[in-house]
Amino acid sequence: MIEQGLIAVAGLDVYADEPNVPERLLRLDNAVLLSNLAAYFETGRVKVLEPSAT
């Protein structure tokens, strides 16, 4: 959808095959790619770590 122009701009921080980012996304001028930011926030850490603690 980004490539077809249906989405004007996107900020992405989660990818289907982390840590591998699809090459086609790296070439887009209308996408900002970040590392997964969920772990930097308390709620994200809880959601990730809680299932492994039980």
Protein backbone atom coordinates (compact mmCIF):
# COMPACT_ATOMS: atom_id res chain seq x y z
CA MET A 1 0.00 0.00 0.00
CA ILE A 2 2.88 2.36 0.71
CA GLU A 3 4.52 1.50 -2.59
CA GLN A 4 1.28 2.08 -4.52
CA GLY A 5 0.73 5.50 -2.93
CA LEU A 6 -2.40 4.47 -0.99
CA ILE A 7 -0.53 5.42 2.19
CA ALA A 8 1.29 8.74 1.80
CA VAL A 9 3.87 8.22 4.53
CA ALA A 10 4.57 5.59 7.19
CA GLY A 11 6.69 5.15 10.28
CA LEU A 12 7.49 1.49 10.92
CA ASP A 13 9.18 -0.14 13.90
CA VAL A 14 7.97 -3.76 13.79
CA TYR A 15 8.75 -6.16 10.95
CA ALA A 16 7.50 -9.68 10.21
CA ASP A 17 11.01 -11.16 10.11
CA GLU A 18 12.96 -9.16 12.68
CA PRO A 19 15.75 -8.19 12.66
CA ASN A 20 15.63 -8.50 8.87
CA VAL A 21 13.98 -5.52 7.18
CA PRO A 22 12.72 -6.15 3.64
CA GLU A 23 15.00 -4.51 1.08
CA ARG A 24 12.04 -2.89 -0.69
CA LEU A 25 11.16 -0.96 2.48
CA LEU A 26 14.70 0.37 2.76
CA ARG A 27 14.36 1.97 -0.68
CA LEU A 28 11.15 3.90 0.07
CA ASP A 29 11.40 7.68 0.36
CA ASN A 30 8.04 7.91 2.15
CA ALA A 31 8.82 5.50 5.01
CA VAL A 32 10.75 6.07 8.22
CA LEU A 33 12.16 2.81 9.58
CA LEU A 34 13.10 2.41 13.24
CA SER A 35 14.14 -0.45 15.47
CA ASN A 36 11.36 -2.01 17.54
CA LEU A 37 10.56 0.62 20.18
CA ALA A 38 8.12 -1.37 22.34
CA ALA A 39 10.88 -2.58 24.66
CA TYR A 40 11.78 1.01 25.55
CA PHE A 41 8.43 1.62 27.24
CA GLU A 42 7.27 0.07 30.50
CA THR A 43 4.01 -1.26 29.02
CA GLY A 44 5.90 -2.89 26.17
CA ARG A 45 8.34 -4.61 28.51
CA VAL A 46 5.50 -5.92 30.66
CA LYS A 47 3.66 -7.35 27.64
CA VAL A 48 6.82 -9.04 26.39
CA LEU A 49 8.16 -10.34 29.70
CA GLU A 50 4.95 -11.24 31.56
CA PRO A 51 4.10 -14.40 29.55
CA SER A 52 7.58 -15.82 30.09
CA ALA A 53 7.34 -15.28 33.85
CA THR A 54 4.26 -17.47 34.27
